[in-house]
Amino acid sequence: MKSYYQTKLGTLYNNDCFNVMKELEDNSIDLIVTDPPYGYSFMGKNWDKAVVGVEIWKECLRVLKPGAFAFIMSAPRQDVLSRMIV
């Protein structure tokens, strides 16, 4: 797997998270930053139509180190979904 940017402090991947996380070891990530699709076809477009399933959040938990952080962007219309993830 090719990294997007790498220094001695860490590695940044810019890819589909399903592809990247499959190759990562358990408890190996300090931070996840994601802005998943919101599932309401903003302005009638399809780019955010899909809703991220449970499997991706299981993978996030698998690769995050104990005590690590995940910053997950959401929208007010996703309040119930956001509370379920936490």
N, C-alpha and C. Protein backbone atom coordinates (compact mmCIF):
# COMPACT_ATOMS: atom_id res chain seq x y z
N MET A 1 0.85 -1.17 0.00
CA MET A 1 0.00 0.00 0.00
C MET A 1 0.90 1.24 0.00
N LYS A 2 0.63 2.14 -0.89
CA LYS A 2 1.43 3.35 -1.03
C LYS A 2 0.88 4.46 -0.14
N SER A 3 1.78 5.10 0.60
CA SER A 3 1.36 6.23 1.43
C SER A 3 1.27 7.49 0.59
N TYR A 4 0.45 8.42 1.04
CA TYR A 4 0.27 9.70 0.35
C TYR A 4 1.35 10.67 0.78
N TYR A 5 1.69 10.64 2.08
CA TYR A 5 2.69 11.53 2.65
C TYR A 5 3.25 10.85 3.89
N GLN A 6 4.56 10.93 4.06
CA GLN A 6 5.16 10.25 5.21
C GLN A 6 6.32 11.06 5.76
N THR A 7 6.39 11.15 7.09
CA THR A 7 7.52 11.74 7.79
C THR A 7 7.87 10.81 8.94
N LYS A 8 8.86 11.19 9.72
CA LYS A 8 9.22 10.37 10.88
C LYS A 8 8.12 10.39 11.94
N LEU A 9 7.21 11.38 11.86
CA LEU A 9 6.12 11.49 12.83
C LEU A 9 4.91 10.63 12.48
N GLY A 10 4.79 10.24 11.22
CA GLY A 10 3.64 9.43 10.86
C GLY A 10 3.43 9.34 9.37
N THR A 11 2.36 8.65 9.00
CA THR A 11 2.03 8.41 7.60
C THR A 11 0.59 8.83 7.34
N LEU A 12 0.38 9.48 6.20
CA LEU A 12 -0.95 9.90 5.77
C LEU A 12 -1.33 9.08 4.55
N TYR A 13 -2.54 8.49 4.60
CA TYR A 13 -3.06 7.74 3.47
C TYR A 13 -4.25 8.48 2.90
N ASN A 14 -4.30 8.62 1.60
CA ASN A 14 -5.44 9.24 0.91
C ASN A 14 -5.97 8.20 -0.07
N ASN A 15 -6.94 7.43 0.40
CA ASN A 15 -7.44 6.32 -0.39
C ASN A 15 -8.80 5.92 0.17
N ASP A 16 -9.44 4.99 -0.46
CA ASP A 16 -10.68 4.43 0.07
C ASP A 16 -10.35 3.70 1.37
N CYS A 17 -11.03 4.05 2.44
CA CYS A 17 -10.69 3.48 3.74
C CYS A 17 -10.84 1.96 3.77
N PHE A 18 -11.76 1.41 2.98
CA PHE A 18 -11.90 -0.05 2.93
C PHE A 18 -10.61 -0.69 2.44
N ASN A 19 -9.96 -0.08 1.46
CA ASN A 19 -8.71 -0.61 0.93
C ASN A 19 -7.58 -0.50 1.93
N VAL A 20 -7.47 0.64 2.57
CA VAL A 20 -6.35 0.91 3.48
C VAL A 20 -6.46 0.10 4.76
N MET A 21 -7.60 0.14 5.42
CA MET A 21 -7.72 -0.50 6.73
C MET A 21 -7.56 -2.01 6.69
N LYS A 22 -7.91 -2.63 5.59
CA LYS A 22 -7.74 -4.08 5.46
C LYS A 22 -6.28 -4.48 5.62
N GLU A 23 -5.37 -3.59 5.25
CA GLU A 23 -3.95 -3.90 5.28
C GLU A 23 -3.26 -3.46 6.58
N LEU A 24 -3.96 -2.78 7.44
CA LEU A 24 -3.37 -2.28 8.68
C LEU A 24 -3.49 -3.30 9.80
N GLU A 25 -2.51 -3.29 10.68
CA GLU A 25 -2.51 -4.19 11.83
C GLU A 25 -3.49 -3.69 12.89
N ASP A 26 -3.95 -4.59 13.74
CA ASP A 26 -4.79 -4.21 14.88
C ASP A 26 -4.05 -3.21 15.75
N ASN A 27 -4.78 -2.27 16.34
CA ASN A 27 -4.21 -1.32 17.31
C ASN A 27 -2.97 -0.61 16.78
N SER A 28 -3.02 -0.14 15.54
CA SER A 28 -1.83 0.47 14.94
C SER A 28 -2.00 1.94 14.55
N ILE A 29 -3.18 2.51 14.77
CA ILE A 29 -3.47 3.87 14.31
C ILE A 29 -3.74 4.79 15.50
N ASP A 30 -3.15 5.99 15.46
CA ASP A 30 -3.35 6.98 16.52
C ASP A 30 -4.55 7.89 16.26
N LEU A 31 -4.91 8.08 14.99
CA LEU A 31 -5.97 9.04 14.67
C LEU A 31 -6.65 8.68 13.36
N ILE A 32 -7.97 8.76 13.36
CA ILE A 32 -8.75 8.64 12.13
C ILE A 32 -9.54 9.94 11.98
N VAL A 33 -9.44 10.56 10.81
CA VAL A 33 -10.23 11.74 10.47
C VAL A 33 -11.05 11.38 9.24
N THR A 34 -12.38 11.47 9.35
CA THR A 34 -13.23 11.06 8.23
C THR A 34 -14.46 11.95 8.12
N ASP A 35 -14.91 12.12 6.92
CA ASP A 35 -16.13 12.87 6.61
C ASP A 35 -16.98 11.98 5.71
N PRO A 36 -17.62 10.96 6.30
CA PRO A 36 -18.35 9.98 5.48
C PRO A 36 -19.58 10.60 4.82
N PRO A 37 -20.10 9.95 3.79
CA PRO A 37 -21.33 10.44 3.14
C PRO A 37 -22.46 10.56 4.17
N TYR A 38 -23.29 11.57 4.00
CA TYR A 38 -24.37 11.83 4.95
C TYR A 38 -25.66 11.10 4.62
N GLY A 39 -25.77 10.59 3.41
CA GLY A 39 -26.92 9.78 3.05
C GLY A 39 -28.18 10.53 2.67
N TYR A 40 -28.07 11.82 2.33
CA TYR A 40 -29.29 12.51 1.93
C TYR A 40 -29.19 13.26 0.61
N SER A 41 -28.33 12.82 -0.26
CA SER A 41 -28.25 13.33 -1.64
C SER A 41 -28.31 14.85 -1.70
N PHE A 42 -27.34 15.50 -1.10
CA PHE A 42 -27.28 16.96 -1.05
C PHE A 42 -27.42 17.56 -2.45
N MET A 43 -28.33 18.49 -2.59
CA MET A 43 -28.61 19.18 -3.85
C MET A 43 -28.94 18.20 -4.99
N GLY A 44 -29.53 17.05 -4.63
CA GLY A 44 -29.94 16.08 -5.63
C GLY A 44 -28.79 15.29 -6.25
N LYS A 45 -27.61 15.37 -5.67
CA LYS A 45 -26.43 14.67 -6.21
C LYS A 45 -26.29 13.31 -5.53
N ASN A 46 -25.60 12.40 -6.20
CA ASN A 46 -25.43 11.04 -5.68
C ASN A 46 -24.14 10.82 -4.89
N TRP A 47 -23.22 11.79 -4.89
CA TRP A 47 -21.92 11.57 -4.25
C TRP A 47 -22.02 11.30 -2.76
N ASP A 48 -23.08 11.75 -2.10
CA ASP A 48 -23.22 11.48 -0.67
C ASP A 48 -24.47 10.66 -0.35
N LYS A 49 -24.95 9.93 -1.34
CA LYS A 49 -26.19 9.17 -1.17
C LYS A 49 -26.03 7.96 -0.26
N ALA A 50 -24.93 7.27 -0.37
CA ALA A 50 -24.70 6.05 0.42
C ALA A 50 -24.47 6.39 1.89
N VAL A 51 -24.86 5.49 2.76
CA VAL A 51 -24.60 5.63 4.19
C VAL A 51 -23.59 4.56 4.57
N VAL A 52 -22.60 4.95 5.34
CA VAL A 52 -21.55 4.02 5.76
C VAL A 52 -22.15 2.97 6.69
N GLY A 53 -21.83 1.71 6.44
CA GLY A 53 -22.37 0.61 7.23
C GLY A 53 -21.56 0.32 8.49
N VAL A 54 -22.07 -0.60 9.26
CA VAL A 54 -21.47 -0.98 10.54
C VAL A 54 -20.06 -1.54 10.36
N GLU A 55 -19.82 -2.26 9.27
CA GLU A 55 -18.52 -2.91 9.07
C GLU A 55 -17.36 -1.92 9.09
N ILE A 56 -17.55 -0.74 8.52
CA ILE A 56 -16.45 0.23 8.50
C ILE A 56 -16.12 0.72 9.90
N TRP A 57 -17.14 0.89 10.74
CA TRP A 57 -16.88 1.34 12.11
C TRP A 57 -16.20 0.24 12.92
N LYS A 58 -16.51 -1.02 12.64
CA LYS A 58 -15.80 -2.13 13.28
C LYS A 58 -14.33 -2.12 12.90
N GLU A 59 -14.05 -1.83 11.63
CA GLU A 59 -12.65 -1.74 11.18
C GLU A 59 -11.94 -0.58 11.86
N CYS A 60 -12.62 0.55 12.00
CA CYS A 60 -12.02 1.69 12.70
C CYS A 60 -11.62 1.30 14.11
N LEU A 61 -12.51 0.64 14.82
CA LEU A 61 -12.20 0.20 16.19
C LEU A 61 -11.06 -0.79 16.21
N ARG A 62 -10.99 -1.65 15.22
CA ARG A 62 -9.93 -2.67 15.17
C ARG A 62 -8.55 -2.03 15.01
N VAL A 63 -8.43 -1.03 14.14
CA VAL A 63 -7.10 -0.48 13.85
C VAL A 63 -6.69 0.62 14.82
N LEU A 64 -7.63 1.26 15.50
CA LEU A 64 -7.27 2.32 16.44
C LEU A 64 -6.59 1.74 17.68
N LYS A 65 -5.55 2.43 18.12
CA LYS A 65 -4.89 2.05 19.37
C LYS A 65 -5.82 2.37 20.54
N PRO A 66 -5.68 1.66 21.66
CA PRO A 66 -6.47 2.00 22.84
C PRO A 66 -6.22 3.45 23.23
N GLY A 67 -7.27 4.21 23.45
CA GLY A 67 -7.14 5.61 23.82
C GLY A 67 -6.95 6.56 22.65
N ALA A 68 -6.91 6.04 21.42
CA ALA A 68 -6.73 6.89 20.24
C ALA A 68 -8.04 7.62 19.92
N PHE A 69 -7.96 8.54 18.96
CA PHE A 69 -9.11 9.37 18.62
C PHE A 69 -9.60 9.12 17.20
N ALA A 70 -10.89 9.33 17.00
CA ALA A 70 -11.49 9.34 15.67
C ALA A 70 -12.34 10.61 15.58
N PHE A 71 -12.02 11.47 14.64
CA PHE A 71 -12.81 12.68 14.39
C PHE A 71 -13.72 12.38 13.21
N ILE A 72 -15.01 12.31 13.47
CA ILE A 72 -15.99 11.94 12.46
C ILE A 72 -16.92 13.12 12.22
N MET A 73 -16.84 13.71 11.02
CA MET A 73 -17.71 14.82 10.69
C MET A 73 -19.12 14.29 10.45
N SER A 74 -20.10 15.09 10.82
CA SER A 74 -21.48 14.72 10.56
C SER A 74 -22.30 15.99 10.36
N ALA A 75 -23.56 15.83 10.10
CA ALA A 75 -24.46 16.95 9.88
C ALA A 75 -25.59 16.88 10.91
N PRO A 76 -26.24 18.02 11.18
CA PRO A 76 -27.34 18.00 12.16
C PRO A 76 -28.41 16.95 11.85
N ARG A 77 -28.64 16.68 10.58
CA ARG A 77 -29.65 15.68 10.22
C ARG A 77 -29.21 14.27 10.58
N GLN A 78 -27.95 14.10 10.93
CA GLN A 78 -27.42 12.78 11.30
C GLN A 78 -27.28 12.62 12.80
N ASP A 79 -27.91 13.44 13.57
CA ASP A 79 -27.73 13.42 15.01
C ASP A 79 -27.97 12.05 15.62
N VAL A 80 -29.02 11.37 15.23
CA VAL A 80 -29.33 10.04 15.77
C VAL A 80 -28.25 9.05 15.37
N LEU A 81 -27.83 9.07 14.11
CA LEU A 81 -26.77 8.18 13.64
C LEU A 81 -25.47 8.44 14.38
N SER A 82 -25.13 9.70 14.59
CA SER A 82 -23.90 10.05 15.30
C SER A 82 -23.91 9.52 16.72
N ARG A 83 -25.04 9.60 17.39
CA ARG A 83 -25.12 9.08 18.76
C ARG A 83 -25.00 7.57 18.79
N MET A 84 -25.49 6.89 17.76
CA MET A 84 -25.39 5.43 17.71
C MET A 84 -23.94 5.00 17.54
N ILE A 85 -23.15 5.74 16.77
CA ILE A 85 -21.74 5.40 16.54
C ILE A 85 -20.96 5.51 17.84
N VAL A 86 -21.19 6.58 18.58
CA VAL A 86 -20.47 6.81 19.82
C VAL A 86 -20.90 5.78 20.83
